[in-house]
PDB file of N, CA and C in Angstrom:
ATOM      1  N   MET A   1       0.829  -1.196   0.000  1.00  0.00           N
ATOM      2  CA  MET A   1       0.000   0.000   0.000  1.00  0.00           C
ATOM      3  C   MET A   1       0.875   1.262   0.000  1.00  0.00           C
ATOM      4  N   ARG A   2       1.891   1.264   0.893  1.00  0.00           N
ATOM      5  CA  ARG A   2       2.785   2.422   0.939  1.00  0.00           C
ATOM      6  C   ARG A   2       3.562   2.553  -0.364  1.00  0.00           C
ATOM      7  N   LEU A   3       3.954   1.422  -0.921  1.00  0.00           N
ATOM      8  CA  LEU A   3       4.715   1.446  -2.173  1.00  0.00           C
ATOM      9  C   LEU A   3       3.890   2.088  -3.284  1.00  0.00           C
ATOM     10  N   THR A   4       2.601   1.819  -3.295  1.00  0.00           N
ATOM     11  CA  THR A   4       1.726   2.416  -4.306  1.00  0.00           C
ATOM     12  C   THR A   4       1.723   3.937  -4.179  1.00  0.00           C
ATOM     13  N   PHE A   5       1.591   4.436  -2.956  1.00  0.00           N
ATOM     14  CA  PHE A   5       1.589   5.884  -2.753  1.00  0.00           C
ATOM     15  C   PHE A   5       2.934   6.504  -3.117  1.00  0.00           C
ATOM     16  N   VAL A   6       4.009   5.812  -2.781  1.00  0.00           N
ATOM     17  CA  VAL A   6       5.344   6.322  -3.117  1.00  0.00           C
ATOM     18  C   VAL A   6       5.510   6.367  -4.628  1.00  0.00           C
ATOM     19  N   LEU A   7       5.095   5.335  -5.328  1.00  0.00           N
ATOM     20  CA  LEU A   7       5.224   5.312  -6.783  1.00  0.00           C
ATOM     21  C   LEU A   7       4.358   6.386  -7.438  1.00  0.00           C
ATOM     22  N   ILE A   8       3.159   6.594  -6.925  1.00  0.00           N
ATOM     23  CA  ILE A   8       2.295   7.649  -7.468  1.00  0.00           C
ATOM     24  C   ILE A   8       2.934   9.017  -7.232  1.00  0.00           C
ATOM     25  N   PHE A   9       3.499   9.230  -6.049  1.00  0.00           N
ATOM     26  CA  PHE A   9       4.153  10.501  -5.745  1.00  0.00           C
ATOM     27  C   PHE A   9       5.349  10.740  -6.662  1.00  0.00           C
ATOM     28  N   VAL A  10       6.169   9.721  -6.855  1.00  0.00           N
ATOM     29  CA  VAL A  10       7.351   9.858  -7.715  1.00  0.00           C
ATOM     30  C   VAL A  10       6.928  10.111  -9.161  1.00  0.00           C
ATOM     31  N   ALA A  11       5.917   9.404  -9.629  1.00  0.00           N
ATOM     32  CA  ALA A  11       5.445   9.608 -11.003  1.00  0.00           C
ATOM     33  C   ALA A  11       4.890  11.021 -11.180  1.00  0.00           C
ATOM     34  N   THR A  12       4.168  11.511 -10.193  1.00  0.00           N
ATOM     35  CA  THR A  12       3.634  12.876 -10.264  1.00  0.00           C
ATOM     36  C   THR A  12       4.762  13.902 -10.252  1.00  0.00           C
ATOM     37  N   ALA A  13       5.763  13.671  -9.425  1.00  0.00           N
ATOM     38  CA  ALA A  13       6.896  14.604  -9.359  1.00  0.00           C
ATOM     39  C   ALA A  13       7.638  14.648 -10.689  1.00  0.00           C
ATOM     40  N   PHE A  14       7.881  13.484 -11.289  1.00  0.00           N
ATOM     41  CA  PHE A  14       8.572  13.464 -12.578  1.00  0.00           C
ATOM     42  C   PHE A  14       7.726  14.108 -13.668  1.00  0.00           C
ATOM     43  N   THR A  15       6.427  13.947 -13.601  1.00  0.00           N
ATOM     44  CA  THR A  15       5.549  14.570 -14.590  1.00  0.00           C
ATOM     45  C   THR A  15       5.589  16.091 -14.453  1.00  0.00           C
ATOM     46  N   ALA A  16       5.561  16.583 -13.223  1.00  0.00           N
ATOM     47  CA  ALA A  16       5.605  18.033 -13.001  1.00  0.00           C
ATOM     48  C   ALA A  16       6.938  18.615 -13.453  1.00  0.00           C
ATOM     49  N   VAL A  17       8.024  17.908 -13.185  1.00  0.00           N
ATOM     50  CA  VAL A  17       9.342  18.396 -13.602  1.00  0.00           C
ATOM     51  C   VAL A  17       9.456  18.339 -15.118  1.00  0.00           C
ATOM     52  N   GLY A  18       8.924  17.298 -15.730  1.00  0.00           N
ATOM     53  CA  GLY A  18       8.994  17.168 -17.185  1.00  0.00           C
ATOM     54  C   GLY A  18       8.134  18.189 -17.901  1.00  0.00           C
ATOM     55  N   ALA A  19       7.088  18.665 -17.259  1.00  0.00           N
ATOM     56  CA  ALA A  19       6.202  19.639 -17.895  1.00  0.00           C
ATOM     57  C   ALA A  19       6.684  21.073 -17.708  1.00  0.00           C
ATOM     58  N   ALA A  20       7.698  21.269 -16.865  1.00  0.00           N
ATOM     59  CA  ALA A  20       8.206  22.625 -16.633  1.00  0.00           C
ATOM     60  C   ALA A  20       8.875  23.151 -17.896  1.00  0.00           C
ATOM     61  N   PRO A  21       8.607  24.399 -18.226  1.00  0.00           N
ATOM     62  CA  PRO A  21       9.237  24.952 -19.432  1.00  0.00           C
ATOM     63  C   PRO A  21      10.736  25.097 -19.264  1.00  0.00           C
ATOM     64  N   LEU A  22      11.464  24.824 -20.320  1.00  0.00           N
ATOM     65  CA  LEU A  22      12.914  24.951 -20.302  1.00  0.00           C
ATOM     66  C   LEU A  22      13.306  26.358 -20.730  1.00  0.00           C
ATOM     67  N   GLU A  23      14.288  26.908 -20.066  1.00  0.00           N
ATOM     68  CA  GLU A  23      14.695  28.279 -20.376  1.00  0.00           C
ATOM     69  C   GLU A  23      15.352  28.365 -21.745  1.00  0.00           C
ATOM     70  N   GLY A  24      16.207  27.406 -22.080  1.00  0.00           N
ATOM     71  CA  GLY A  24      16.928  27.464 -23.344  1.00  0.00           C
ATOM     72  C   GLY A  24      16.270  26.638 -24.435  1.00  0.00           C
ATOM     73  N   GLU A  25      14.984  26.485 -24.372  1.00  0.00           N
ATOM     74  CA  GLU A  25      14.270  25.635 -25.321  1.00  0.00           C
ATOM     75  C   GLU A  25      14.281  26.261 -26.721  1.00  0.00           C
ATOM     76  N   THR A  26      14.479  25.431 -27.725  1.00  0.00           N
ATOM     77  CA  THR A  26      14.513  25.942 -29.094  1.00  0.00           C
ATOM     78  C   THR A  26      13.094  26.181 -29.602  1.00  0.00           C
ATOM     79  N   ASN A  27      12.995  27.014 -30.619  1.00  0.00           N
ATOM     80  CA  ASN A  27      11.688  27.292 -31.204  1.00  0.00           C
ATOM     81  C   ASN A  27      11.097  26.046 -31.845  1.00  0.00           C
ATOM     82  N   ALA A  28      11.939  25.188 -32.420  1.00  0.00           N
ATOM     83  CA  ALA A  28      11.429  23.957 -33.031  1.00  0.00           C
ATOM     84  C   ALA A  28      10.770  23.067 -31.977  1.00  0.00           C
ATOM     85  N   ALA A  29      11.391  22.972 -30.808  1.00  0.00           N
ATOM     86  CA  ALA A  29      10.817  22.152 -29.738  1.00  0.00           C
ATOM     87  C   ALA A  29       9.505  22.755 -29.238  1.00  0.00           C
ATOM     88  N   ARG A  30       9.456  24.080 -29.129  1.00  0.00           N
ATOM     89  CA  ARG A  30       8.214  24.730 -28.690  1.00  0.00           C
ATOM     90  C   ARG A  30       7.096  24.509 -29.697  1.00  0.00           C
ATOM     91  N   MET A  31       7.411  24.672 -30.972  1.00  0.00           N
ATOM     92  CA  MET A  31       6.376  24.532 -31.994  1.00  0.00           C
ATOM     93  C   MET A  31       5.922  23.083 -32.121  1.00  0.00           C
ATOM     94  N   ALA A  32       6.814  22.126 -31.846  1.00  0.00           N
ATOM     95  CA  ALA A  32       6.423  20.718 -31.868  1.00  0.00           C
ATOM     96  C   ALA A  32       5.423  20.415 -30.756  1.00  0.00           C
ATOM     97  N   ARG A  33       5.491  21.168 -29.661  1.00  0.00           N
ATOM     98  CA  ARG A  33       4.542  20.993 -28.555  1.00  0.00           C
ATOM     99  C   ARG A  33       3.288  21.830 -28.735  1.00  0.00           C
ATOM    100  N   GLY A  34       3.198  22.569 -29.844  1.00  0.00           N
ATOM    101  CA  GLY A  34       2.011  23.367 -30.114  1.00  0.00           C
ATOM    102  C   GLY A  34       2.054  24.753 -29.505  1.00  0.00           C
ATOM    103  N   LEU A  35       3.232  25.209 -29.080  1.00  0.00           N
ATOM    104  CA  LEU A  35       3.376  26.536 -28.492  1.00  0.00           C
ATOM    105  C   LEU A  35       3.927  27.504 -29.530  1.00  0.00           C
ATOM    106  N   PRO A  36       3.696  28.791 -29.351  1.00  0.00           N
ATOM    107  CA  PRO A  36       4.263  29.762 -30.293  1.00  0.00           C
ATOM    108  C   PRO A  36       5.773  29.881 -30.087  1.00  0.00           C
ATOM    109  N   PRO A  37       6.505  30.332 -31.096  1.00  0.00           N
ATOM    110  CA  PRO A  37       7.955  30.482 -30.928  1.00  0.00           C
ATOM    111  C   PRO A  37       8.289  31.605 -29.952  1.00  0.00           C
ATOM    112  N   ASN A  38       9.474  31.512 -29.364  1.00  0.00           N
ATOM    113  CA  ASN A  38       9.940  32.562 -28.455  1.00  0.00           C
ATOM    114  C   ASN A  38      10.235  33.833 -29.236  1.00  0.00           C
ATOM    115  N   PRO A  39       9.910  34.994 -28.671  1.00  0.00           N
ATOM    116  CA  PRO A  39      10.275  36.240 -29.352  1.00  0.00           C
ATOM    117  C   PRO A  39      11.779  36.471 -29.249  1.00  0.00           C
ATOM    118  N   PRO A  40      12.347  37.265 -30.151  1.00  0.00           N
ATOM    119  CA  PRO A  40      13.775  37.588 -30.058  1.00  0.00           C
ATOM    120  C   PRO A  40      14.090  38.356 -28.773  1.00  0.00           C
ATOM    121  N   ALA A  41      15.363  38.401 -28.400  1.00  0.00           N
ATOM    122  CA  ALA A  41      15.768  39.015 -27.129  1.00  0.00           C
ATOM    123  C   ALA A  41      15.379  40.487 -27.059  1.00  0.00           C
ATOM    124  N   PHE A  42      15.507  41.226 -28.165  1.00  0.00           N
ATOM    125  CA  PHE A  42      15.183  42.651 -28.094  1.00  0.00           C
ATOM    126  C   PHE A  42      13.698  42.880 -27.852  1.00  0.00           C
ATOM    127  N   MET A  43      12.853  41.949 -28.289  1.00  0.00           N
ATOM    128  CA  MET A  43      11.417  42.085 -28.030  1.00  0.00           C
ATOM    129  C   MET A  43      11.093  41.732 -26.584  1.00  0.00           C
ATOM    130  N   LYS A  44      11.834  40.815 -25.989  1.00  0.00           N
ATOM    131  CA  LYS A  44      11.592  40.465 -24.595  1.00  0.00           C
ATOM    132  C   LYS A  44      11.835  41.670 -23.693  1.00  0.00           C
ATOM    133  N   ARG A  45      12.886  42.435 -23.960  1.00  0.00           N
ATOM    134  CA  ARG A  45      13.152  43.628 -23.146  1.00  0.00           C
ATOM    135  C   ARG A  45      12.015  44.632 -23.280  1.00  0.00           C
ATOM    136  N   THR A  46      11.497  44.796 -24.481  1.00  0.00           N
ATOM    137  CA  THR A  46      10.409  45.742 -24.707  1.00  0.00           C
ATOM    138  C   THR A  46       9.153  45.305 -23.970  1.00  0.00           C
ATOM    139  N   VAL A  47       8.836  44.026 -24.037  1.00  0.00           N
ATOM    140  CA  VAL A  47       7.640  43.512 -23.372  1.00  0.00           C
ATOM    141  C   VAL A  47       7.775  43.686 -21.868  1.00  0.00           C
ATOM    142  N   GLN A  48       8.956  43.418 -21.306  1.00  0.00           N
ATOM    143  CA  GLN A  48       9.140  43.576 -19.867  1.00  0.00           C
ATOM    144  C   GLN A  48       9.018  45.044 -19.463  1.00  0.00           C
ATOM    145  N   ALA A  49       9.532  45.951 -20.280  1.00  0.00           N
ATOM    146  CA  ALA A  49       9.441  47.368 -19.940  1.00  0.00           C
ATOM    147  C   ALA A  49       7.989  47.829 -19.950  1.00  0.00           C
ATOM    148  N   ARG A  50       7.224  47.376 -20.907  1.00  0.00           N
ATOM    149  CA  ARG A  50       5.817  47.781 -20.968  1.00  0.00           C
ATOM    150  C   ARG A  50       4.996  47.149 -19.862  1.00  0.00           C
ATOM    151  N   ALA A  51       5.420  45.981 -19.396  1.00  0.00           N
ATOM    152  CA  ALA A  51       4.667  45.290 -18.361  1.00  0.00           C
ATOM    153  C   ALA A  51       4.937  45.877 -16.978  1.00  0.00           C
ATOM    154  N   SER A  52       6.020  46.648 -16.836  1.00  0.00           N
ATOM    155  CA  SER A  52       6.327  47.187 -15.515  1.00  0.00           C
ATOM    156  C   SER A  52       5.337  48.307 -15.179  1.00  0.00           C
ATOM    157  N   PRO A  53       5.031  48.487 -13.905  1.00  0.00           N
ATOM    158  CA  PRO A  53       4.061  49.517 -13.527  1.00  0.00           C
ATOM    159  C   PRO A  53       4.573  50.928 -13.791  1.00  0.00           C
ATOM    160  N   VAL A  54       5.880  51.134 -13.740  1.00  0.00           N
ATOM    161  CA  VAL A  54       6.460  52.450 -14.007  1.00  0.00           C
ATOM    162  C   VAL A  54       7.199  52.352 -15.327  1.00  0.00           C
ATOM    163  N   TYR A  55       6.697  53.054 -16.329  1.00  0.00           N
ATOM    164  CA  TYR A  55       7.297  52.978 -17.666  1.00  0.00           C
ATOM    165  C   TYR A  55       8.138  54.215 -17.918  1.00  0.00           C
ATOM    166  N   ARG A  56       9.420  54.009 -18.122  1.00  0.00           N
ATOM    167  CA  ARG A  56      10.335  55.109 -18.451  1.00  0.00           C
ATOM    168  C   ARG A  56      10.974  54.807 -19.791  1.00  0.00           C
ATOM    169  N   PRO A  57      10.620  55.535 -20.836  1.00  0.00           N
ATOM    170  CA  PRO A  57      11.201  55.253 -22.158  1.00  0.00           C
ATOM    171  C   PRO A  57      12.673  55.613 -22.240  1.00  0.00           C
TER     172      PRO A  57
END
């Protein structure tokens, strides 16, 4: 009985870790999973600046 709970816990933990997004993930891998491609680095800075509560151009 305990072994069943331990195995379910371990399987859930591995599933959660496997589903976590990777920071250095390629656009091909993202698109294969049905996600949009990552924006270029210069667009990420722009999006973060606009998302901040205090915007200083």
